[in-house]
Amino acid sequence: MTVLTADAVRRSMINCSKGDAKRMTLADDVVGTDLEEVEFVGWRDPRMPQRAYLVSLHEGAVTGVLLRPAAGDGPRRTAMCALCRTTRSGGDVTLFTAPRAGAVGRDGNTVGTYICDDLACPATTRLEKATPSIMPDLSHPLDERVAGLRVRLDTFLASIRGTVDAV
């Protein structure tokens, strides 16, 4: 069992300063989450709306990353989340960027990908039927969808960490 504590979440952050991690606002449902039950937990910071966070088990360790949603001023349309491969309408998929870990991130290098705006990919992956606005890929069995989410998430986290090329 890998149950999250507030301290563990703050220590896990790989692409922001200790001060930024200390100032983050944790969502109510983050503390107590067992990361062996879900692929990740993600949330928007209610006090700093241009910040979001994602925490997962990655390479055997609790790993957290700071994400920033891209400013959207164009028309909202249907898009697919790169992590859970769910198509969502109405602008419910957002381009999130993450500073890369270490010196390259401090120099301004980032990695970006499209993710469900509510950061609820683990729950969305487990949906058993589509709705008018949320259309998960139901052509694969649940275990394959979950495994695919894990692979794509690990690749994204590795690109932030700098252990693989950007996705």
N, C-alpha and C. Protein backbone atom coordinates (compact mmCIF):
# COMPACT_ATOMS: atom_id res chain seq x y z
N MET A 1 0.83 -1.18 0.00
CA MET A 1 0.00 0.00 0.00
C MET A 1 0.88 1.25 0.00
N THR A 2 0.52 2.21 -0.85
CA THR A 2 1.22 3.49 -0.90
C THR A 2 0.19 4.59 -0.72
N VAL A 3 -0.12 4.89 0.53
CA VAL A 3 -1.14 5.88 0.87
C VAL A 3 -0.49 7.25 0.99
N LEU A 4 -1.07 8.22 0.30
CA LEU A 4 -0.49 9.56 0.27
C LEU A 4 -0.76 10.34 1.55
N THR A 5 0.28 11.04 1.97
CA THR A 5 0.16 12.03 3.03
C THR A 5 0.50 13.38 2.42
N ALA A 6 0.12 14.45 3.09
CA ALA A 6 0.44 15.79 2.59
C ALA A 6 1.94 15.96 2.44
N ASP A 7 2.69 15.49 3.42
CA ASP A 7 4.14 15.61 3.39
C ASP A 7 4.74 14.82 2.22
N ALA A 8 4.23 13.61 1.99
CA ALA A 8 4.74 12.78 0.89
C ALA A 8 4.47 13.44 -0.45
N VAL A 9 3.30 14.04 -0.61
CA VAL A 9 2.97 14.73 -1.86
C VAL A 9 3.94 15.89 -2.08
N ARG A 10 4.16 16.70 -1.08
CA ARG A 10 5.05 17.86 -1.22
C ARG A 10 6.49 17.43 -1.52
N ARG A 11 6.94 16.37 -0.87
CA ARG A 11 8.31 15.87 -1.12
C ARG A 11 8.45 15.23 -2.50
N SER A 12 7.35 14.76 -3.08
CA SER A 12 7.41 14.02 -4.34
C SER A 12 7.59 14.91 -5.57
N MET A 13 7.39 16.20 -5.42
CA MET A 13 7.39 17.10 -6.58
C MET A 13 8.78 17.19 -7.20
N ILE A 14 8.87 16.85 -8.49
CA ILE A 14 10.17 16.79 -9.15
C ILE A 14 10.47 17.99 -10.04
N ASN A 15 9.45 18.84 -10.30
CA ASN A 15 9.70 19.92 -11.26
C ASN A 15 9.28 21.30 -10.74
N CYS A 16 9.33 21.46 -9.43
CA CYS A 16 9.10 22.79 -8.86
C CYS A 16 9.95 22.94 -7.61
N SER A 17 10.05 24.16 -7.16
CA SER A 17 10.87 24.42 -5.98
C SER A 17 10.19 23.90 -4.72
N LYS A 18 10.96 23.78 -3.66
CA LYS A 18 10.38 23.37 -2.37
C LYS A 18 9.37 24.40 -1.90
N GLY A 19 9.63 25.66 -2.18
CA GLY A 19 8.69 26.72 -1.81
C GLY A 19 7.37 26.58 -2.56
N ASP A 20 7.44 26.29 -3.86
CA ASP A 20 6.22 26.08 -4.64
C ASP A 20 5.45 24.87 -4.11
N ALA A 21 6.16 23.81 -3.78
CA ALA A 21 5.51 22.62 -3.24
C ALA A 21 4.86 22.92 -1.90
N LYS A 22 5.51 23.71 -1.10
CA LYS A 22 4.96 24.06 0.22
C LYS A 22 3.69 24.91 0.08
N ARG A 23 3.64 25.76 -0.95
CA ARG A 23 2.49 26.65 -1.14
C ARG A 23 1.31 25.98 -1.85
N MET A 24 1.50 24.79 -2.41
CA MET A 24 0.40 24.15 -3.14
C MET A 24 -0.77 23.85 -2.21
N THR A 25 -1.96 23.95 -2.76
CA THR A 25 -3.17 23.60 -2.01
C THR A 25 -3.56 22.19 -2.43
N LEU A 26 -3.61 21.29 -1.45
CA LEU A 26 -3.99 19.92 -1.74
C LEU A 26 -5.51 19.80 -1.81
N ALA A 27 -6.00 19.08 -2.81
CA ALA A 27 -7.44 18.79 -2.88
C ALA A 27 -7.81 17.87 -1.74
N ASP A 28 -9.06 17.94 -1.31
CA ASP A 28 -9.51 17.16 -0.16
C ASP A 28 -9.31 15.65 -0.32
N ASP A 29 -9.44 15.16 -1.55
CA ASP A 29 -9.38 13.71 -1.75
C ASP A 29 -7.98 13.18 -2.05
N VAL A 30 -6.95 14.02 -2.00
CA VAL A 30 -5.59 13.56 -2.31
C VAL A 30 -4.99 12.79 -1.13
N VAL A 31 -5.02 13.40 0.05
CA VAL A 31 -4.47 12.73 1.22
C VAL A 31 -5.32 11.49 1.51
N GLY A 32 -4.65 10.37 1.67
CA GLY A 32 -5.34 9.11 1.91
C GLY A 32 -5.51 8.25 0.67
N THR A 33 -5.20 8.80 -0.51
CA THR A 33 -5.31 8.03 -1.75
C THR A 33 -4.23 6.95 -1.75
N ASP A 34 -4.62 5.74 -2.11
CA ASP A 34 -3.68 4.63 -2.26
C ASP A 34 -3.26 4.57 -3.73
N LEU A 35 -2.02 4.91 -4.02
CA LEU A 35 -1.55 4.94 -5.40
C LEU A 35 -1.40 3.55 -6.02
N GLU A 36 -1.62 2.52 -5.26
CA GLU A 36 -1.63 1.19 -5.85
C GLU A 36 -3.03 0.83 -6.34
N GLU A 37 -4.01 1.68 -6.03
CA GLU A 37 -5.39 1.48 -6.46
C GLU A 37 -5.72 2.28 -7.72
N VAL A 38 -5.02 3.39 -7.95
CA VAL A 38 -5.25 4.25 -9.11
C VAL A 38 -3.91 4.58 -9.75
N GLU A 39 -3.96 4.93 -11.02
CA GLU A 39 -2.72 5.25 -11.74
C GLU A 39 -2.14 6.58 -11.29
N PHE A 40 -3.00 7.54 -10.99
CA PHE A 40 -2.54 8.82 -10.47
C PHE A 40 -3.70 9.55 -9.83
N VAL A 41 -3.35 10.57 -9.08
CA VAL A 41 -4.32 11.52 -8.55
C VAL A 41 -3.91 12.88 -9.09
N GLY A 42 -4.90 13.62 -9.59
CA GLY A 42 -4.61 14.94 -10.15
C GLY A 42 -5.65 15.94 -9.70
N TRP A 43 -5.25 17.20 -9.59
CA TRP A 43 -6.17 18.23 -9.15
C TRP A 43 -5.67 19.60 -9.58
N ARG A 44 -6.61 20.54 -9.65
CA ARG A 44 -6.31 21.95 -9.90
C ARG A 44 -6.17 22.64 -8.55
N ASP A 45 -5.26 23.57 -8.47
CA ASP A 45 -5.06 24.32 -7.23
C ASP A 45 -6.13 25.40 -7.16
N PRO A 46 -7.04 25.33 -6.17
CA PRO A 46 -8.13 26.31 -6.12
C PRO A 46 -7.65 27.74 -5.83
N ARG A 47 -6.51 27.88 -5.21
CA ARG A 47 -5.99 29.23 -4.92
C ARG A 47 -5.14 29.78 -6.05
N MET A 48 -4.61 28.90 -6.90
CA MET A 48 -3.79 29.33 -8.04
C MET A 48 -4.29 28.58 -9.27
N PRO A 49 -5.33 29.09 -9.95
CA PRO A 49 -5.98 28.35 -11.03
C PRO A 49 -5.08 28.00 -12.21
N GLN A 50 -3.95 28.65 -12.34
CA GLN A 50 -3.04 28.32 -13.43
C GLN A 50 -2.03 27.25 -13.02
N ARG A 51 -2.36 26.52 -11.97
CA ARG A 51 -1.52 25.40 -11.52
C ARG A 51 -2.39 24.17 -11.31
N ALA A 52 -1.83 23.06 -11.70
CA ALA A 52 -2.47 21.76 -11.45
C ALA A 52 -1.34 20.82 -11.05
N TYR A 53 -1.72 19.71 -10.45
CA TYR A 53 -0.72 18.77 -9.95
C TYR A 53 -1.16 17.36 -10.29
N LEU A 54 -0.20 16.50 -10.49
CA LEU A 54 -0.43 15.09 -10.76
C LEU A 54 0.59 14.31 -9.94
N VAL A 55 0.12 13.30 -9.20
CA VAL A 55 1.00 12.48 -8.37
C VAL A 55 0.73 11.02 -8.70
N SER A 56 1.81 10.25 -8.88
CA SER A 56 1.71 8.85 -9.29
C SER A 56 2.88 8.05 -8.72
N LEU A 57 2.75 6.75 -8.78
CA LEU A 57 3.92 5.89 -8.57
C LEU A 57 4.64 5.80 -9.91
N HIS A 58 5.90 6.15 -9.92
CA HIS A 58 6.68 6.13 -11.17
C HIS A 58 8.08 5.63 -10.84
N GLU A 59 8.48 4.59 -11.53
CA GLU A 59 9.80 3.98 -11.30
C GLU A 59 10.01 3.65 -9.83
N GLY A 60 8.94 3.17 -9.17
CA GLY A 60 9.03 2.70 -7.80
C GLY A 60 8.95 3.77 -6.72
N ALA A 61 8.70 5.02 -7.11
CA ALA A 61 8.66 6.10 -6.12
C ALA A 61 7.44 6.98 -6.36
N VAL A 62 6.94 7.58 -5.30
CA VAL A 62 5.88 8.57 -5.43
C VAL A 62 6.48 9.77 -6.16
N THR A 63 5.85 10.15 -7.27
CA THR A 63 6.38 11.20 -8.12
C THR A 63 5.28 12.20 -8.41
N GLY A 64 5.54 13.45 -8.10
CA GLY A 64 4.57 14.51 -8.36
C GLY A 64 5.11 15.52 -9.34
N VAL A 65 4.21 16.08 -10.13
CA VAL A 65 4.62 17.11 -11.08
C VAL A 65 3.64 18.28 -11.06
N LEU A 66 4.19 19.45 -11.28
CA LEU A 66 3.44 20.68 -11.45
C LEU A 66 3.06 20.77 -12.92
N LEU A 67 1.79 21.06 -13.19
CA LEU A 67 1.30 21.25 -14.55
C LEU A 67 0.72 22.65 -14.66
N ARG A 68 0.78 23.20 -15.87
CA ARG A 68 0.16 24.50 -16.11
C ARG A 68 -0.74 24.37 -17.33
N PRO A 69 -2.02 24.70 -17.17
CA PRO A 69 -2.91 24.65 -18.33
C PRO A 69 -2.61 25.79 -19.29
N ALA A 70 -2.66 25.49 -20.57
CA ALA A 70 -2.45 26.54 -21.56
C ALA A 70 -3.64 27.49 -21.54
N ALA A 71 -3.36 28.75 -21.76
CA ALA A 71 -4.45 29.74 -21.81
C ALA A 71 -5.26 29.47 -23.07
N GLY A 72 -6.55 29.37 -22.90
CA GLY A 72 -7.41 29.09 -24.05
C GLY A 72 -8.30 30.28 -24.36
N ASP A 73 -8.09 30.86 -25.52
CA ASP A 73 -8.95 31.97 -25.88
C ASP A 73 -9.67 31.71 -27.19
N GLY A 74 -9.51 30.53 -27.75
CA GLY A 74 -10.19 30.18 -28.98
C GLY A 74 -11.44 29.37 -28.69
N PRO A 75 -12.17 28.99 -29.73
CA PRO A 75 -13.37 28.19 -29.52
C PRO A 75 -13.02 26.82 -28.95
N ARG A 76 -13.85 26.34 -28.04
CA ARG A 76 -13.64 25.05 -27.39
C ARG A 76 -14.22 23.97 -28.30
N ARG A 77 -13.46 22.91 -28.53
CA ARG A 77 -13.94 21.85 -29.42
C ARG A 77 -13.61 20.49 -28.86
N THR A 78 -14.04 19.48 -29.55
CA THR A 78 -13.80 18.10 -29.15
C THR A 78 -12.32 17.77 -29.32
N ALA A 79 -11.76 17.08 -28.32
CA ALA A 79 -10.36 16.68 -28.37
C ALA A 79 -10.18 15.38 -27.61
N MET A 80 -9.04 14.74 -27.83
CA MET A 80 -8.75 13.47 -27.16
C MET A 80 -7.63 13.65 -26.15
N CYS A 81 -7.82 13.11 -24.96
CA CYS A 81 -6.80 13.10 -23.93
C CYS A 81 -5.69 12.13 -24.36
N ALA A 82 -4.46 12.58 -24.27
CA ALA A 82 -3.33 11.74 -24.67
C ALA A 82 -3.04 10.64 -23.65
N LEU A 83 -3.51 10.79 -22.41
CA LEU A 83 -3.25 9.77 -21.40
C LEU A 83 -4.28 8.66 -21.42
N CYS A 84 -5.57 9.02 -21.28
CA CYS A 84 -6.60 7.97 -21.18
C CYS A 84 -7.26 7.67 -22.52
N ARG A 85 -6.92 8.42 -23.54
CA ARG A 85 -7.47 8.24 -24.88
C ARG A 85 -8.98 8.37 -24.92
N THR A 86 -9.50 9.27 -24.10
CA THR A 86 -10.92 9.57 -24.09
C THR A 86 -11.16 10.83 -24.90
N THR A 87 -12.17 10.79 -25.75
CA THR A 87 -12.57 11.95 -26.51
C THR A 87 -13.62 12.69 -25.70
N ARG A 88 -13.40 14.00 -25.55
CA ARG A 88 -14.34 14.82 -24.76
C ARG A 88 -14.70 16.06 -25.55
N SER A 89 -15.93 16.45 -25.42
CA SER A 89 -16.39 17.64 -26.14
C SER A 89 -16.45 18.83 -25.19
N GLY A 90 -16.69 19.99 -25.77
CA GLY A 90 -16.88 21.20 -24.97
C GLY A 90 -15.64 21.74 -24.32
N GLY A 91 -14.48 21.42 -24.83
CA GLY A 91 -13.24 21.95 -24.26
C GLY A 91 -12.81 21.28 -22.98
N ASP A 92 -13.24 20.04 -22.76
CA ASP A 92 -12.90 19.32 -21.53
C ASP A 92 -11.57 18.59 -21.60
N VAL A 93 -10.77 18.88 -22.63
CA VAL A 93 -9.39 18.40 -22.73
C VAL A 93 -8.52 19.64 -22.89
N THR A 94 -7.48 19.72 -22.09
CA THR A 94 -6.64 20.92 -22.04
C THR A 94 -5.18 20.56 -22.31
N LEU A 95 -4.49 21.44 -22.99
CA LEU A 95 -3.04 21.29 -23.13
C LEU A 95 -2.41 21.72 -21.82
N PHE A 96 -1.77 20.77 -21.15
CA PHE A 96 -1.03 21.07 -19.93
C PHE A 96 0.46 21.02 -20.25
N THR A 97 1.21 21.98 -19.74
CA THR A 97 2.66 21.96 -19.87
C THR A 97 3.26 21.76 -18.49
N ALA A 98 4.42 21.15 -18.48
CA ALA A 98 5.13 20.90 -17.23
C ALA A 98 6.59 21.29 -17.42
N PRO A 99 7.13 22.07 -16.50
CA PRO A 99 8.57 22.33 -16.57
C PRO A 99 9.32 21.01 -16.42
N ARG A 100 10.38 20.85 -17.18
CA ARG A 100 11.18 19.64 -17.02
C ARG A 100 11.91 19.72 -15.68
N ALA A 101 12.23 18.58 -15.14
CA ALA A 101 12.92 18.52 -13.85
C ALA A 101 14.36 19.01 -14.00
N GLY A 102 14.88 19.58 -12.94
CA GLY A 102 16.30 19.94 -12.88
C GLY A 102 16.62 21.25 -13.58
N ALA A 103 17.89 21.36 -13.93
CA ALA A 103 18.40 22.61 -14.51
C ALA A 103 17.73 22.96 -15.82
N VAL A 104 17.42 21.97 -16.66
CA VAL A 104 16.78 22.28 -17.94
C VAL A 104 15.41 22.91 -17.73
N GLY A 105 14.69 22.47 -16.71
CA GLY A 105 13.40 23.06 -16.39
C GLY A 105 13.54 24.47 -15.86
N ARG A 106 14.55 24.69 -15.03
CA ARG A 106 14.80 26.05 -14.52
C ARG A 106 15.21 26.99 -15.64
N ASP A 107 15.74 26.42 -16.74
CA ASP A 107 16.11 27.22 -17.91
C ASP A 107 14.91 27.47 -18.83
N GLY A 108 13.75 26.94 -18.48
CA GLY A 108 12.54 27.21 -19.26
C GLY A 108 12.06 26.09 -20.15
N ASN A 109 12.74 24.94 -20.15
CA ASN A 109 12.30 23.83 -21.00
C ASN A 109 11.08 23.15 -20.39
N THR A 110 10.08 22.90 -21.24
CA THR A 110 8.84 22.28 -20.79
C THR A 110 8.47 21.11 -21.68
N VAL A 111 7.54 20.31 -21.18
CA VAL A 111 6.94 19.21 -21.92
C VAL A 111 5.44 19.44 -21.83
N GLY A 112 4.71 19.17 -22.90
CA GLY A 112 3.27 19.37 -22.87
C GLY A 112 2.52 18.20 -23.47
N THR A 113 1.29 18.03 -23.02
CA THR A 113 0.41 17.03 -23.59
C THR A 113 -1.03 17.39 -23.27
N TYR A 114 -1.95 16.83 -24.03
CA TYR A 114 -3.37 17.06 -23.80
C TYR A 114 -3.88 16.06 -22.76
N ILE A 115 -4.54 16.59 -21.72
CA ILE A 115 -5.04 15.77 -20.62
C ILE A 115 -6.47 16.23 -20.31
N CYS A 116 -7.29 15.31 -19.83
CA CYS A 116 -8.64 15.67 -19.39
C CYS A 116 -8.55 16.85 -18.43
N ASP A 117 -9.36 17.86 -18.66
CA ASP A 117 -9.31 19.08 -17.87
C ASP A 117 -9.51 18.84 -16.38
N ASP A 118 -10.32 17.83 -16.03
CA ASP A 118 -10.57 17.53 -14.62
C ASP A 118 -9.54 16.58 -14.01
N LEU A 119 -8.56 16.15 -14.83
CA LEU A 119 -7.49 15.26 -14.38
C LEU A 119 -8.04 13.97 -13.75
N ALA A 120 -9.16 13.50 -14.27
CA ALA A 120 -9.82 12.30 -13.74
C ALA A 120 -9.64 11.10 -14.66
N CYS A 121 -8.52 11.02 -15.34
CA CYS A 121 -8.28 9.94 -16.29
C CYS A 121 -8.45 8.53 -15.69
N PRO A 122 -7.99 8.26 -14.46
CA PRO A 122 -8.20 6.91 -13.92
C PRO A 122 -9.68 6.54 -13.84
N ALA A 123 -10.53 7.45 -13.42
CA ALA A 123 -11.97 7.17 -13.34
C ALA A 123 -12.57 7.09 -14.74
N THR A 124 -12.16 7.98 -15.63
CA THR A 124 -12.69 7.99 -16.99
C THR A 124 -12.32 6.70 -17.72
N THR A 125 -11.12 6.21 -17.51
CA THR A 125 -10.68 4.97 -18.14
C THR A 125 -11.57 3.80 -17.73
N ARG A 126 -12.11 3.86 -16.55
CA ARG A 126 -12.92 2.76 -16.01
C ARG A 126 -14.41 2.87 -16.34
N LEU A 127 -14.81 3.92 -17.07
CA LEU A 127 -16.21 4.04 -17.47
C LEU A 127 -16.60 2.85 -18.35
N GLU A 128 -17.81 2.39 -18.19
CA GLU A 128 -18.28 1.23 -18.96
C GLU A 128 -19.12 1.62 -20.16
N LYS A 129 -19.55 2.89 -20.22
CA LYS A 129 -20.27 3.34 -21.40
C LYS A 129 -20.02 4.82 -21.61
N ALA A 130 -20.18 5.23 -22.86
CA ALA A 130 -19.95 6.61 -23.24
C ALA A 130 -21.15 7.47 -22.88
N THR A 131 -20.90 8.76 -22.73
CA THR A 131 -21.96 9.75 -22.56
C THR A 131 -21.85 10.70 -23.75
N PRO A 132 -22.80 11.61 -23.93
CA PRO A 132 -22.69 12.54 -25.05
C PRO A 132 -21.42 13.38 -25.03
N SER A 133 -20.87 13.67 -23.85
CA SER A 133 -19.68 14.52 -23.79
C SER A 133 -18.40 13.78 -23.44
N ILE A 134 -18.47 12.54 -22.96
CA ILE A 134 -17.29 11.75 -22.60
C ILE A 134 -17.36 10.42 -23.34
N MET A 135 -16.38 10.21 -24.25
CA MET A 135 -16.39 9.02 -25.07
C MET A 135 -15.09 8.24 -24.91
N PRO A 136 -15.01 7.39 -23.87
CA PRO A 136 -13.79 6.58 -23.71
C PRO A 136 -13.70 5.54 -24.82
N ASP A 137 -12.50 5.08 -25.08
CA ASP A 137 -12.29 4.03 -26.08
C ASP A 137 -12.71 2.70 -25.47
N LEU A 138 -13.91 2.27 -25.77
CA LEU A 138 -14.44 1.03 -25.20
C LEU A 138 -14.16 -0.18 -26.09
N SER A 139 -13.35 0.00 -27.13
CA SER A 139 -13.05 -1.11 -28.03
C SER A 139 -12.05 -2.09 -27.43
N HIS A 140 -11.45 -1.74 -26.31
CA HIS A 140 -10.49 -2.62 -25.62
C HIS A 140 -11.04 -2.99 -24.26
N PRO A 141 -10.66 -4.16 -23.75
CA PRO A 141 -11.09 -4.53 -22.40
C PRO A 141 -10.50 -3.57 -21.36
N LEU A 142 -11.15 -3.49 -20.21
CA LEU A 142 -10.75 -2.57 -19.16
C LEU A 142 -9.28 -2.73 -18.78
N ASP A 143 -8.81 -3.96 -18.60
CA ASP A 143 -7.41 -4.15 -18.19
C ASP A 143 -6.43 -3.58 -19.21
N GLU A 144 -6.76 -3.65 -20.50
CA GLU A 144 -5.89 -3.08 -21.53
C GLU A 144 -5.94 -1.55 -21.51
N ARG A 145 -7.12 -0.98 -21.25
CA ARG A 145 -7.24 0.48 -21.16
C ARG A 145 -6.42 1.01 -19.99
N VAL A 146 -6.51 0.33 -18.85
CA VAL A 146 -5.76 0.75 -17.66
C VAL A 146 -4.25 0.60 -17.91
N ALA A 147 -3.84 -0.50 -18.51
CA ALA A 147 -2.42 -0.71 -18.81
C ALA A 147 -1.91 0.35 -19.79
N GLY A 148 -2.72 0.71 -20.77
CA GLY A 148 -2.33 1.75 -21.72
C GLY A 148 -2.18 3.10 -21.05
N LEU A 149 -3.10 3.42 -20.14
CA LEU A 149 -2.98 4.67 -19.38
C LEU A 149 -1.68 4.68 -18.60
N ARG A 150 -1.35 3.59 -17.95
CA ARG A 150 -0.12 3.50 -17.15
C ARG A 150 1.12 3.72 -18.03
N VAL A 151 1.17 3.09 -19.20
CA VAL A 151 2.32 3.24 -20.10
C VAL A 151 2.46 4.68 -20.57
N ARG A 152 1.35 5.28 -21.00
CA ARG A 152 1.42 6.67 -21.49
C ARG A 152 1.76 7.64 -20.35
N LEU A 153 1.24 7.40 -19.15
CA LEU A 153 1.58 8.23 -18.00
C LEU A 153 3.06 8.11 -17.66
N ASP A 154 3.58 6.89 -17.62
CA ASP A 154 5.00 6.69 -17.31
C ASP A 154 5.89 7.37 -18.35
N THR A 155 5.50 7.32 -19.61
CA THR A 155 6.28 7.99 -20.66
C THR A 155 6.27 9.50 -20.46
N PHE A 156 5.09 10.05 -20.12
CA PHE A 156 4.99 11.50 -19.88
C PHE A 156 5.85 11.90 -18.68
N LEU A 157 5.77 11.15 -17.58
CA LEU A 157 6.57 11.46 -16.39
C LEU A 157 8.07 11.32 -16.67
N ALA A 158 8.45 10.31 -17.45
CA ALA A 158 9.86 10.14 -17.80
C ALA A 158 10.35 11.29 -18.67
N SER A 159 9.48 11.83 -19.52
CA SER A 159 9.89 12.98 -20.34
C SER A 159 10.08 14.22 -19.48
N ILE A 160 9.27 14.37 -18.44
CA ILE A 160 9.45 15.49 -17.51
C ILE A 160 10.75 15.31 -16.73
N ARG A 161 10.97 14.09 -16.28
CA ARG A 161 12.19 13.79 -15.53
C ARG A 161 13.44 13.89 -16.41
N GLY A 162 13.27 13.71 -17.71
CA GLY A 162 14.40 13.81 -18.64
C GLY A 162 15.05 12.47 -18.93
N THR A 163 14.37 11.37 -18.57
CA THR A 163 14.94 10.04 -18.81
C THR A 163 14.53 9.48 -20.17
N VAL A 164 13.59 10.12 -20.86
CA VAL A 164 13.27 9.80 -22.25
C VAL A 164 13.02 11.11 -22.97
N ASP A 165 13.05 11.07 -24.29
CA ASP A 165 12.77 12.27 -25.07
C ASP A 165 11.32 12.68 -24.87
N ALA A 166 11.05 13.94 -25.10
CA ALA A 166 9.69 14.47 -24.94
C ALA A 166 8.72 13.71 -25.82
N VAL A 167 7.49 13.58 -25.31
CA VAL A 167 6.44 12.86 -26.04
C VAL A 167 5.72 13.77 -26.99
